[in-house]
Amino acid sequence: MGELSKLPNIGPVVEGQLEAVGIETLEQLQEIGSREAWLRIQRMDPSARIHRLMGLEGALLGVKKSLLPPETKAQLKAFYQAHKL
């Protein structure tokens, strides 16, 4: 396990997906952001759903996805609806 799997919501599978799309460090994830990271994952794994997007955002904020603020969840839901396959 690498650096990313130490973040909340990031297990070995998501870490592997992040690495496969060129995101290997927290700094890279912060630079790219949860939305772009999720879009990259979705292109290679169409099964990527909103929970993965929320998990990535939670990882950036250092919290479990269930603890994301309601406004953040609403923004992520709108983004997901606009970009889901």
PDB file of N, CA and C in Angstrom:
ATOM      1  N   MET A   1       0.836  -1.180   0.000  1.00  0.00           N
ATOM      2  CA  MET A   1       0.000   0.000   0.000  1.00  0.00           C
ATOM      3  C   MET A   1       0.882   1.246   0.000  1.00  0.00           C
ATOM      4  N   GLY A   2       0.409   2.242  -0.723  1.00  0.00           N
ATOM      5  CA  GLY A   2       1.191   3.466  -0.838  1.00  0.00           C
ATOM      6  C   GLY A   2       0.626   4.595   0.001  1.00  0.00           C
ATOM      7  N   GLU A   3       1.035   5.765  -0.361  1.00  0.00           N
ATOM      8  CA  GLU A   3       0.657   6.981   0.366  1.00  0.00           C
ATOM      9  C   GLU A   3      -0.848   7.247   0.315  1.00  0.00           C
ATOM     10  N   LEU A   4      -1.464   7.032  -0.836  1.00  0.00           N
ATOM     11  CA  LEU A   4      -2.874   7.379  -0.997  1.00  0.00           C
ATOM     12  C   LEU A   4      -3.801   6.520  -0.145  1.00  0.00           C
ATOM     13  N   SER A   5      -3.450   5.265   0.051  1.00  0.00           N
ATOM     14  CA  SER A   5      -4.329   4.382   0.828  1.00  0.00           C
ATOM     15  C   SER A   5      -4.344   4.745   2.310  1.00  0.00           C
ATOM     16  N   LYS A   6      -3.484   5.655   2.728  1.00  0.00           N
ATOM     17  CA  LYS A   6      -3.500   6.121   4.110  1.00  0.00           C
ATOM     18  C   LYS A   6      -4.560   7.200   4.330  1.00  0.00           C
ATOM     19  N   LEU A   7      -5.120   7.707   3.232  1.00  0.00           N
ATOM     20  CA  LEU A   7      -6.151   8.740   3.319  1.00  0.00           C
ATOM     21  C   LEU A   7      -7.503   8.112   3.614  1.00  0.00           C
ATOM     22  N   PRO A   8      -8.411   8.861   4.249  1.00  0.00           N
ATOM     23  CA  PRO A   8      -9.759   8.337   4.466  1.00  0.00           C
ATOM     24  C   PRO A   8     -10.408   7.981   3.125  1.00  0.00           C
ATOM     25  N   ASN A   9     -11.168   6.920   3.110  1.00  0.00           N
ATOM     26  CA  ASN A   9     -11.974   6.483   1.962  1.00  0.00           C
ATOM     27  C   ASN A   9     -11.176   5.855   0.823  1.00  0.00           C
ATOM     28  N   ILE A  10      -9.856   5.801   0.931  1.00  0.00           N
ATOM     29  CA  ILE A  10      -9.037   5.270  -0.167  1.00  0.00           C
ATOM     30  C   ILE A  10      -8.469   3.912   0.239  1.00  0.00           C
ATOM     31  N   GLY A  11      -9.022   2.871  -0.358  1.00  0.00           N
ATOM     32  CA  GLY A  11      -8.515   1.531  -0.134  1.00  0.00           C
ATOM     33  C   GLY A  11      -7.590   1.141  -1.269  1.00  0.00           C
ATOM     34  N   PRO A  12      -7.146  -0.092  -1.267  1.00  0.00           N
ATOM     35  CA  PRO A  12      -6.196  -0.526  -2.294  1.00  0.00           C
ATOM     36  C   PRO A  12      -6.749  -0.462  -3.723  1.00  0.00           C
ATOM     37  N   VAL A  13      -8.042  -0.711  -3.900  1.00  0.00           N
ATOM     38  CA  VAL A  13      -8.611  -0.687  -5.256  1.00  0.00           C
ATOM     39  C   VAL A  13      -8.609   0.736  -5.805  1.00  0.00           C
ATOM     40  N   VAL A  14      -9.107   1.682  -5.020  1.00  0.00           N
ATOM     41  CA  VAL A  14      -9.153   3.071  -5.483  1.00  0.00           C
ATOM     42  C   VAL A  14      -7.742   3.627  -5.629  1.00  0.00           C
ATOM     43  N   GLU A  15      -6.856   3.257  -4.724  1.00  0.00           N
ATOM     44  CA  GLU A  15      -5.470   3.680  -4.854  1.00  0.00           C
ATOM     45  C   GLU A  15      -4.892   3.186  -6.181  1.00  0.00           C
ATOM     46  N   GLY A  16      -5.164   1.941  -6.519  1.00  0.00           N
ATOM     47  CA  GLY A  16      -4.685   1.389  -7.790  1.00  0.00           C
ATOM     48  C   GLY A  16      -5.267   2.125  -8.982  1.00  0.00           C
ATOM     49  N   GLN A  17      -6.535   2.490  -8.889  1.00  0.00           N
ATOM     50  CA  GLN A  17      -7.156   3.239  -9.980  1.00  0.00           C
ATOM     51  C   GLN A  17      -6.538   4.629 -10.111  1.00  0.00           C
ATOM     52  N   LEU A  18      -6.317   5.280  -8.973  1.00  0.00           N
ATOM     53  CA  LEU A  18      -5.678   6.592  -9.014  1.00  0.00           C
ATOM     54  C   LEU A  18      -4.300   6.499  -9.651  1.00  0.00           C
ATOM     55  N   GLU A  19      -3.535   5.513  -9.252  1.00  0.00           N
ATOM     56  CA  GLU A  19      -2.200   5.339  -9.823  1.00  0.00           C
ATOM     57  C   GLU A  19      -2.282   5.055 -11.321  1.00  0.00           C
ATOM     58  N   ALA A  20      -3.291   4.282 -11.730  1.00  0.00           N
ATOM     59  CA  ALA A  20      -3.444   3.948 -13.151  1.00  0.00           C
ATOM     60  C   ALA A  20      -3.758   5.171 -14.004  1.00  0.00           C
ATOM     61  N   VAL A  21      -4.347   6.197 -13.385  1.00  0.00           N
ATOM     62  CA  VAL A  21      -4.653   7.415 -14.141  1.00  0.00           C
ATOM     63  C   VAL A  21      -3.632   8.522 -13.869  1.00  0.00           C
ATOM     64  N   GLY A  22      -2.500   8.148 -13.272  1.00  0.00           N
ATOM     65  CA  GLY A  22      -1.393   9.079 -13.115  1.00  0.00           C
ATOM     66  C   GLY A  22      -1.374   9.891 -11.836  1.00  0.00           C
ATOM     67  N   ILE A  23      -2.158   9.483 -10.841  1.00  0.00           N
ATOM     68  CA  ILE A  23      -2.194  10.199  -9.564  1.00  0.00           C
ATOM     69  C   ILE A  23      -1.584   9.278  -8.511  1.00  0.00           C
ATOM     70  N   GLU A  24      -0.388   9.621  -8.059  1.00  0.00           N
ATOM     71  CA  GLU A  24       0.331   8.738  -7.144  1.00  0.00           C
ATOM     72  C   GLU A  24       0.587   9.351  -5.778  1.00  0.00           C
ATOM     73  N   THR A  25       0.344  10.647  -5.634  1.00  0.00           N
ATOM     74  CA  THR A  25       0.617  11.304  -4.355  1.00  0.00           C
ATOM     75  C   THR A  25      -0.557  12.185  -3.952  1.00  0.00           C
ATOM     76  N   LEU A  26      -0.609  12.519  -2.675  1.00  0.00           N
ATOM     77  CA  LEU A  26      -1.626  13.431  -2.179  1.00  0.00           C
ATOM     78  C   LEU A  26      -1.514  14.777  -2.888  1.00  0.00           C
ATOM     79  N   GLU A  27      -0.314  15.231  -3.112  1.00  0.00           N
ATOM     80  CA  GLU A  27      -0.106  16.511  -3.781  1.00  0.00           C
ATOM     81  C   GLU A  27      -0.700  16.497  -5.193  1.00  0.00           C
ATOM     82  N   GLN A  28      -0.521  15.409  -5.895  1.00  0.00           N
ATOM     83  CA  GLN A  28      -1.104  15.299  -7.239  1.00  0.00           C
ATOM     84  C   GLN A  28      -2.624  15.290  -7.157  1.00  0.00           C
ATOM     85  N   LEU A  29      -3.170  14.581  -6.191  1.00  0.00           N
ATOM     86  CA  LEU A  29      -4.622  14.535  -6.019  1.00  0.00           C
ATOM     87  C   LEU A  29      -5.156  15.924  -5.674  1.00  0.00           C
ATOM     88  N   GLN A  30      -4.461  16.640  -4.817  1.00  0.00           N
ATOM     89  CA  GLN A  30      -4.879  17.996  -4.460  1.00  0.00           C
ATOM     90  C   GLN A  30      -4.836  18.914  -5.673  1.00  0.00           C
ATOM     91  N   GLU A  31      -3.810  18.778  -6.472  1.00  0.00           N
ATOM     92  CA  GLU A  31      -3.652  19.624  -7.652  1.00  0.00           C
ATOM     93  C   GLU A  31      -4.748  19.350  -8.676  1.00  0.00           C
ATOM     94  N   ILE A  32      -5.069  18.090  -8.876  1.00  0.00           N
ATOM     95  CA  ILE A  32      -6.059  17.690  -9.878  1.00  0.00           C
ATOM     96  C   ILE A  32      -7.483  17.879  -9.355  1.00  0.00           C
ATOM     97  N   GLY A  33      -7.683  17.574  -8.079  1.00  0.00           N
ATOM     98  CA  GLY A  33      -9.003  17.690  -7.473  1.00  0.00           C
ATOM     99  C   GLY A  33      -9.810  16.419  -7.613  1.00  0.00           C
ATOM    100  N   SER A  34     -10.802  16.300  -6.759  1.00  0.00           N
ATOM    101  CA  SER A  34     -11.603  15.078  -6.723  1.00  0.00           C
ATOM    102  C   SER A  34     -12.412  14.869  -7.997  1.00  0.00           C
ATOM    103  N   ARG A  35     -12.926  15.950  -8.549  1.00  0.00           N
ATOM    104  CA  ARG A  35     -13.784  15.811  -9.727  1.00  0.00           C
ATOM    105  C   ARG A  35     -12.997  15.318 -10.942  1.00  0.00           C
ATOM    106  N   GLU A  36     -11.860  15.932 -11.224  1.00  0.00           N
ATOM    107  CA  GLU A  36     -11.048  15.494 -12.363  1.00  0.00           C
ATOM    108  C   GLU A  36     -10.507  14.086 -12.136  1.00  0.00           C
ATOM    109  N   ALA A  37     -10.107  13.785 -10.892  1.00  0.00           N
ATOM    110  CA  ALA A  37      -9.630  12.432 -10.586  1.00  0.00           C
ATOM    111  C   ALA A  37     -10.733  11.414 -10.853  1.00  0.00           C
ATOM    112  N   TRP A  38     -11.952  11.741 -10.445  1.00  0.00           N
ATOM    113  CA  TRP A  38     -13.083  10.826 -10.653  1.00  0.00           C
ATOM    114  C   TRP A  38     -13.370  10.663 -12.149  1.00  0.00           C
ATOM    115  N   LEU A  39     -13.321  11.751 -12.901  1.00  0.00           N
ATOM    116  CA  LEU A  39     -13.549  11.648 -14.346  1.00  0.00           C
ATOM    117  C   LEU A  39     -12.521  10.732 -14.999  1.00  0.00           C
ATOM    118  N   ARG A  40     -11.276  10.857 -14.579  1.00  0.00           N
ATOM    119  CA  ARG A  40     -10.223   9.985 -15.128  1.00  0.00           C
ATOM    120  C   ARG A  40     -10.490   8.525 -14.779  1.00  0.00           C
ATOM    121  N   ILE A  41     -10.888   8.274 -13.537  1.00  0.00           N
ATOM    122  CA  ILE A  41     -11.206   6.901 -13.125  1.00  0.00           C
ATOM    123  C   ILE A  41     -12.404   6.392 -13.905  1.00  0.00           C
ATOM    124  N   GLN A  42     -13.424   7.222 -14.050  1.00  0.00           N
ATOM    125  CA  GLN A  42     -14.638   6.803 -14.756  1.00  0.00           C
ATOM    126  C   GLN A  42     -14.345   6.407 -16.198  1.00  0.00           C
ATOM    127  N   ARG A  43     -13.400   7.094 -16.841  1.00  0.00           N
ATOM    128  CA  ARG A  43     -13.055   6.751 -18.232  1.00  0.00           C
ATOM    129  C   ARG A  43     -12.505   5.330 -18.335  1.00  0.00           C
ATOM    130  N   MET A  44     -11.790   4.882 -17.306  1.00  0.00           N
ATOM    131  CA  MET A  44     -11.249   3.526 -17.371  1.00  0.00           C
ATOM    132  C   MET A  44     -12.145   2.512 -16.664  1.00  0.00           C
ATOM    133  N   ASP A  45     -13.037   2.996 -15.773  1.00  0.00           N
ATOM    134  CA  ASP A  45     -13.929   2.121 -15.026  1.00  0.00           C
ATOM    135  C   ASP A  45     -15.326   2.744 -14.986  1.00  0.00           C
ATOM    136  N   PRO A  46     -16.156   2.426 -15.968  1.00  0.00           N
ATOM    137  CA  PRO A  46     -17.495   3.015 -16.025  1.00  0.00           C
ATOM    138  C   PRO A  46     -18.379   2.694 -14.811  1.00  0.00           C
ATOM    139  N   SER A  47     -17.953   1.775 -13.977  1.00  0.00           N
ATOM    140  CA  SER A  47     -18.746   1.462 -12.781  1.00  0.00           C
ATOM    141  C   SER A  47     -18.515   2.471 -11.655  1.00  0.00           C
ATOM    142  N   ALA A  48     -17.618   3.448 -11.866  1.00  0.00           N
ATOM    143  CA  ALA A  48     -17.349   4.467 -10.849  1.00  0.00           C
ATOM    144  C   ALA A  48     -18.611   5.293 -10.629  1.00  0.00           C
ATOM    145  N   ARG A  49     -19.093   5.282  -9.410  1.00  0.00           N
ATOM    146  CA  ARG A  49     -20.329   5.979  -9.076  1.00  0.00           C
ATOM    147  C   ARG A  49     -20.061   7.122  -8.117  1.00  0.00           C
ATOM    148  N   ILE A  50     -21.145   7.716  -7.651  1.00  0.00           N
ATOM    149  CA  ILE A  50     -21.055   8.902  -6.806  1.00  0.00           C
ATOM    150  C   ILE A  50     -20.308   8.642  -5.505  1.00  0.00           C
ATOM    151  N   HIS A  51     -20.404   7.436  -4.979  1.00  0.00           N
ATOM    152  CA  HIS A  51     -19.715   7.140  -3.712  1.00  0.00           C
ATOM    153  C   HIS A  51     -18.197   7.252  -3.871  1.00  0.00           C
ATOM    154  N   ARG A  52     -17.697   6.902  -5.031  1.00  0.00           N
ATOM    155  CA  ARG A  52     -16.259   7.033  -5.267  1.00  0.00           C
ATOM    156  C   ARG A  52     -15.882   8.518  -5.357  1.00  0.00           C
ATOM    157  N   LEU A  53     -16.717   9.296  -6.013  1.00  0.00           N
ATOM    158  CA  LEU A  53     -16.484  10.740  -6.092  1.00  0.00           C
ATOM    159  C   LEU A  53     -16.487  11.367  -4.703  1.00  0.00           C
ATOM    160  N   MET A  54     -17.478  11.016  -3.895  1.00  0.00           N
ATOM    161  CA  MET A  54     -17.545  11.553  -2.535  1.00  0.00           C
ATOM    162  C   MET A  54     -16.373  11.070  -1.688  1.00  0.00           C
ATOM    163  N   GLY A  55     -15.959   9.851  -1.907  1.00  0.00           N
ATOM    164  CA  GLY A  55     -14.798   9.333  -1.189  1.00  0.00           C
ATOM    165  C   GLY A  55     -13.533  10.097  -1.520  1.00  0.00           C
ATOM    166  N   LEU A  56     -13.370  10.449  -2.779  1.00  0.00           N
ATOM    167  CA  LEU A  56     -12.194  11.217  -3.188  1.00  0.00           C
ATOM    168  C   LEU A  56     -12.218  12.611  -2.559  1.00  0.00           C
ATOM    169  N   GLU A  57     -13.386  13.237  -2.547  1.00  0.00           N
ATOM    170  CA  GLU A  57     -13.494  14.559  -1.929  1.00  0.00           C
ATOM    171  C   GLU A  57     -13.213  14.476  -0.431  1.00  0.00           C
ATOM    172  N   GLY A  58     -13.760  13.442   0.214  1.00  0.00           N
ATOM    173  CA  GLY A  58     -13.492  13.251   1.634  1.00  0.00           C
ATOM    174  C   GLY A  58     -12.011  13.032   1.902  1.00  0.00           C
ATOM    175  N   ALA A  59     -11.357  12.296   1.028  1.00  0.00           N
ATOM    176  CA  ALA A  59      -9.915  12.064   1.189  1.00  0.00           C
ATOM    177  C   ALA A  59      -9.157  13.384   1.160  1.00  0.00           C
ATOM    178  N   LEU A  60      -9.553  14.264   0.260  1.00  0.00           N
ATOM    179  CA  LEU A  60      -8.894  15.568   0.178  1.00  0.00           C
ATOM    180  C   LEU A  60      -9.137  16.413   1.428  1.00  0.00           C
ATOM    181  N   LEU A  61     -10.321  16.259   2.011  1.00  0.00           N
ATOM    182  CA  LEU A  61     -10.659  17.030   3.208  1.00  0.00           C
ATOM    183  C   LEU A  61     -10.247  16.327   4.500  1.00  0.00           C
ATOM    184  N   GLY A  62      -9.802  15.076   4.371  1.00  0.00           N
ATOM    185  CA  GLY A  62      -9.361  14.329   5.542  1.00  0.00           C
ATOM    186  C   GLY A  62     -10.486  13.789   6.403  1.00  0.00           C
ATOM    187  N   VAL A  63     -11.666  13.540   5.769  1.00  0.00           N
ATOM    188  CA  VAL A  63     -12.819  13.030   6.520  1.00  0.00           C
ATOM    189  C   VAL A  63     -13.465  11.870   5.776  1.00  0.00           C
ATOM    190  N   LYS A  64     -14.213  11.069   6.503  1.00  0.00           N
ATOM    191  CA  LYS A  64     -15.007  10.021   5.855  1.00  0.00           C
ATOM    192  C   LYS A  64     -16.068  10.684   4.998  1.00  0.00           C
ATOM    193  N   LYS A  65     -16.425  10.033   3.908  1.00  0.00           N
ATOM    194  CA  LYS A  65     -17.380  10.644   2.985  1.00  0.00           C
ATOM    195  C   LYS A  65     -18.723  10.935   3.639  1.00  0.00           C
ATOM    196  N   SER A  66     -19.092  10.173   4.640  1.00  0.00           N
ATOM    197  CA  SER A  66     -20.360  10.411   5.336  1.00  0.00           C
ATOM    198  C   SER A  66     -20.350  11.716   6.127  1.00  0.00           C
ATOM    199  N   LEU A  67     -19.167  12.272   6.374  1.00  0.00           N
ATOM    200  CA  LEU A  67     -19.045  13.504   7.147  1.00  0.00           C
ATOM    201  C   LEU A  67     -18.877  14.751   6.275  1.00  0.00           C
ATOM    202  N   LEU A  68     -18.992  14.589   4.974  1.00  0.00           N
ATOM    203  CA  LEU A  68     -18.914  15.753   4.098  1.00  0.00           C
ATOM    204  C   LEU A  68     -20.073  16.697   4.407  1.00  0.00           C
ATOM    205  N   PRO A  69     -19.836  17.995   4.343  1.00  0.00           N
ATOM    206  CA  PRO A  69     -20.919  18.960   4.579  1.00  0.00           C
ATOM    207  C   PRO A  69     -22.043  18.783   3.548  1.00  0.00           C
ATOM    208  N   PRO A  70     -23.286  19.032   3.941  1.00  0.00           N
ATOM    209  CA  PRO A  70     -24.414  18.876   3.005  1.00  0.00           C
ATOM    210  C   PRO A  70     -24.251  19.672   1.713  1.00  0.00           C
ATOM    211  N   GLU A  71     -23.702  20.871   1.790  1.00  0.00           N
ATOM    212  CA  GLU A  71     -23.510  21.683   0.589  1.00  0.00           C
ATOM    213  C   GLU A  71     -22.521  21.014  -0.366  1.00  0.00           C
ATOM    214  N   THR A  72     -21.463  20.442   0.184  1.00  0.00           N
ATOM    215  CA  THR A  72     -20.483  19.733  -0.634  1.00  0.00           C
ATOM    216  C   THR A  72     -21.119  18.513  -1.287  1.00  0.00           C
ATOM    217  N   LYS A  73     -21.907  17.769  -0.512  1.00  0.00           N
ATOM    218  CA  LYS A  73     -22.588  16.597  -1.074  1.00  0.00           C
ATOM    219  C   LYS A  73     -23.508  17.006  -2.221  1.00  0.00           C
ATOM    220  N   ALA A  74     -24.230  18.104  -2.045  1.00  0.00           N
ATOM    221  CA  ALA A  74     -25.140  18.575  -3.094  1.00  0.00           C
ATOM    222  C   ALA A  74     -24.370  18.965  -4.356  1.00  0.00           C
ATOM    223  N   GLN A  75     -23.237  19.631  -4.185  1.00  0.00           N
ATOM    224  CA  GLN A  75     -22.421  20.011  -5.337  1.00  0.00           C
ATOM    225  C   GLN A  75     -21.877  18.782  -6.059  1.00  0.00           C
ATOM    226  N   LEU A  76     -21.439  17.796  -5.283  1.00  0.00           N
ATOM    227  CA  LEU A  76     -20.923  16.570  -5.888  1.00  0.00           C
ATOM    228  C   LEU A  76     -22.024  15.801  -6.605  1.00  0.00           C
ATOM    229  N   LYS A  77     -23.236  15.778  -6.033  1.00  0.00           N
ATOM    230  CA  LYS A  77     -24.363  15.094  -6.683  1.00  0.00           C
ATOM    231  C   LYS A  77     -24.684  15.756  -8.018  1.00  0.00           C
ATOM    232  N   ALA A  78     -24.681  17.089  -8.048  1.00  0.00           N
ATOM    233  CA  ALA A  78     -24.950  17.806  -9.298  1.00  0.00           C
ATOM    234  C   ALA A  78     -23.865  17.503 -10.331  1.00  0.00           C
ATOM    235  N   PHE A  79     -22.611  17.495  -9.907  1.00  0.00           N
ATOM    236  CA  PHE A  79     -21.510  17.169 -10.806  1.00  0.00           C
ATOM    237  C   PHE A  79     -21.664  15.748 -11.335  1.00  0.00           C
ATOM    238  N   TYR A  80     -21.967  14.819 -10.447  1.00  0.00           N
ATOM    239  CA  TYR A  80     -22.138  13.429 -10.851  1.00  0.00           C
ATOM    240  C   TYR A  80     -23.259  13.290 -11.875  1.00  0.00           C
ATOM    241  N   GLN A  81     -24.395  13.927 -11.615  1.00  0.00           N
ATOM    242  CA  GLN A  81     -25.533  13.844 -12.548  1.00  0.00           C
ATOM    243  C   GLN A  81     -25.156  14.387 -13.931  1.00  0.00           C
ATOM    244  N   ALA A  82     -24.334  15.418 -13.963  1.00  0.00           N
ATOM    245  CA  ALA A  82     -23.935  16.022 -15.223  1.00  0.00           C
ATOM    246  C   ALA A  82     -22.917  15.178 -15.995  1.00  0.00           C
ATOM    247  N   HIS A  83     -22.200  14.284 -15.281  1.00  0.00           N
ATOM    248  CA  HIS A  83     -21.098  13.552 -15.917  1.00  0.00           C
ATOM    249  C   HIS A  83     -21.212  12.036 -15.891  1.00  0.00           C
ATOM    250  N   LYS A  84     -22.261  11.503 -15.307  1.00  0.00           N
ATOM    251  CA  LYS A  84     -22.338  10.039 -15.243  1.00  0.00           C
ATOM    252  C   LYS A  84     -22.577   9.464 -16.624  1.00  0.00           C
ATOM    253  N   LEU A  85     -22.090   8.254 -16.803  1.00  0.00           N
ATOM    254  CA  LEU A  85     -22.231   7.580 -18.098  1.00  0.00           C
ATOM    255  C   LEU A  85     -23.547   6.853 -18.177  1.00  0.00           C
TER     256      LEU A  85
END
